[in-house]
Amino acid sequence: MADLIGLAVIFLILALIAYILGARGVAGFSMEIAKWLVIIFIILAIISYFL
C-alpha cells in the first residue's frame, strides 16, 4: 500500500511542475490520478484495518 502513496506523491509533483510550465491539461490529469490513488489507498487501509 505504500506504493500507492508514493505514486500519488509522484503524480502530485508532476502536476505542480506541469502547472508551473503552463501545461494545464497535464496538470489537471495528474491531479485527478493523484486524487484517485489517495482515495484507493484510504479505502484499502480501512479494509486492511478491519481484517
Protein backbone atom coordinates (compact mmCIF):
# COMPACT_ATOMS: atom_id res chain seq x y z
CA MET A 1 0.00 0.00 0.00
CA ALA A 2 2.95 2.32 0.48
CA ASP A 3 3.42 2.20 -3.28
CA LEU A 4 0.06 3.93 -3.78
CA ILE A 5 1.08 6.87 -1.62
CA GLY A 6 4.43 7.04 -3.40
CA LEU A 7 2.70 7.12 -6.78
CA ALA A 8 0.28 9.77 -5.55
CA VAL A 9 3.18 11.97 -4.44
CA ILE A 10 4.92 11.49 -7.79
CA PHE A 11 1.77 12.49 -9.70
CA LEU A 12 1.30 15.48 -7.38
CA ILE A 13 4.85 16.66 -8.09
CA LEU A 14 4.32 16.07 -11.81
CA ALA A 15 1.12 18.13 -11.65
CA LEU A 16 2.87 21.01 -9.88
CA ILE A 17 5.72 21.04 -12.40
CA ALA A 18 3.29 20.88 -15.33
CA TYR A 19 1.25 23.73 -13.85
CA ILE A 20 4.35 25.88 -13.43
CA LEU A 21 5.42 25.17 -17.02
CA GLY A 22 1.96 26.06 -18.33
CA ALA A 23 0.66 22.62 -19.27
CA ARG A 24 -2.71 22.98 -17.54
CA GLY A 25 -4.25 19.87 -19.12
CA VAL A 26 -1.44 17.60 -17.96
CA ALA A 27 -1.54 19.20 -14.51
CA GLY A 28 -5.26 18.58 -14.14
CA PHE A 29 -4.97 15.00 -15.33
CA SER A 30 -2.09 14.31 -12.93
CA MET A 31 -4.05 15.78 -10.03
CA GLU A 32 -7.01 13.53 -10.85
CA ILE A 33 -4.76 10.47 -10.85
CA ALA A 34 -3.16 11.52 -7.56
CA LYS A 35 -6.60 12.09 -6.01
CA TRP A 36 -7.85 8.64 -7.02
CA LEU A 37 -4.66 6.96 -5.79
CA VAL A 38 -5.11 8.57 -2.36
CA ILE A 39 -8.78 7.53 -2.26
CA ILE A 40 -7.87 3.94 -3.16
CA PHE A 41 -5.14 3.97 -0.51
CA ILE A 42 -7.56 5.15 2.17
CA ILE A 43 -10.15 2.52 1.22
CA LEU A 44 -7.54 -0.26 1.26
CA ALA A 45 -6.15 0.97 4.57
CA ILE A 46 -9.62 0.86 6.16
CA ILE A 47 -10.27 -2.61 4.77
CA SER A 48 -6.93 -3.94 5.99
CA TYR A 49 -7.54 -2.38 9.41
CA PHE A 50 -10.70 -4.41 9.89
CA LEU A 51 -9.29 -7.68 8.51
